[in-house]
C-alpha atoms as a PDB file:
ATOM      1  CA  MET A   1      84.090 116.664  98.819  1.00  0.00           C
ATOM      2  CA  ALA A   2      80.537 115.553  99.466  1.00  0.00           C
ATOM      3  CA  ASN A   3      79.371 114.885 102.997  1.00  0.00           C
ATOM      4  CA  VAL A   4      79.893 111.318 104.138  1.00  0.00           C
ATOM      5  CA  GLU A   5      77.110 109.733 106.136  1.00  0.00           C
ATOM      6  CA  ILE A   6      77.750 107.353 109.038  1.00  0.00           C
ATOM      7  CA  GLY A   7      77.774 103.792 107.757  1.00  0.00           C
ATOM      8  CA  SER A   8      78.514 104.760 104.154  1.00  0.00           C
ATOM      9  CA  GLN A   9      81.629 103.817 102.212  1.00  0.00           C
ATOM     10  CA  ALA A  10      84.596 106.117 102.800  1.00  0.00           C
ATOM     11  CA  PRO A  11      85.791 108.091  99.778  1.00  0.00           C
ATOM     12  CA  ASP A  12      89.068 106.893  98.275  1.00  0.00           C
ATOM     13  CA  PHE A  13      92.167 108.960  99.059  1.00  0.00           C
ATOM     14  CA  THR A  14      95.921 108.574  98.644  1.00  0.00           C
ATOM     15  CA  LEU A  15      98.622 109.456 101.175  1.00  0.00           C
ATOM     16  CA  ASP A  16     102.256 108.645 101.871  1.00  0.00           C
ATOM     17  CA  ASP A  17     102.878 106.159 104.673  1.00  0.00           C
ATOM     18  CA  CYS A  18     105.590 106.565 107.295  1.00  0.00           C
ATOM     19  CA  TYR A  19     108.081 104.870 104.941  1.00  0.00           C
ATOM     20  CA  GLY A  20     107.408 107.222 102.021  1.00  0.00           C
ATOM     21  CA  ASN A  21     105.312 104.719 100.048  1.00  0.00           C
ATOM     22  CA  THR A  22     102.139 105.973  98.364  1.00  0.00           C
ATOM     23  CA  VAL A  23      99.062 104.104  99.610  1.00  0.00           C
ATOM     24  CA  SER A  24      95.429 104.494  98.564  1.00  0.00           C
ATOM     25  CA  LEU A  25      92.525 103.493 100.744  1.00  0.00           C
ATOM     26  CA  SER A  26      91.286 101.355  97.837  1.00  0.00           C
ATOM     27  CA  ASP A  27      94.583  99.383  97.993  1.00  0.00           C
ATOM     28  CA  LEU A  28      93.530  98.166 101.433  1.00  0.00           C
ATOM     29  CA  LYS A  29      90.047  96.966 100.494  1.00  0.00           C
ATOM     30  CA  GLY A  30      89.133  93.845 102.474  1.00  0.00           C
ATOM     31  CA  LYS A  31      91.685  94.596 105.212  1.00  0.00           C
ATOM     32  CA  LYS A  32      91.119  96.165 108.616  1.00  0.00           C
ATOM     33  CA  VAL A  33      92.171  99.814 108.569  1.00  0.00           C
ATOM     34  CA  LEU A  34      92.513 102.261 111.441  1.00  0.00           C
ATOM     35  CA  LEU A  35      92.207 105.891 110.376  1.00  0.00           C
ATOM     36  CA  TYR A  36      93.593 108.401 112.825  1.00  0.00           C
ATOM     37  CA  PHE A  37      92.943 112.057 112.097  1.00  0.00           C
ATOM     38  CA  TYR A  38      94.211 114.860 114.287  1.00  0.00           C
ATOM     39  CA  THR A  39      94.265 118.587 114.196  1.00  0.00           C
ATOM     40  CA  SER A  40      96.120 121.358 115.897  1.00  0.00           C
ATOM     41  CA  SER A  41      94.386 124.571 116.812  1.00  0.00           C
ATOM     42  CA  GLY A  42      97.680 126.450 116.570  1.00  0.00           C
ATOM     43  CA  GLY A  43      96.293 129.052 118.978  1.00  0.00           C
ATOM     44  CA  GLY A  44      97.111 127.325 122.225  1.00  0.00           C
ATOM     45  CA  ASN A  45      93.458 126.604 122.998  1.00  0.00           C
END
């Protein structure tokens, strides 16, 4: 994936929602979207 600059359009991606439905970012065009990304270090740090 290419680097994404601040202020540029987010690349389209598809994920399953909490109900098991497949949703693409492009399906939500024109709507407010909150993206929440998290990570786990797995090492207890």
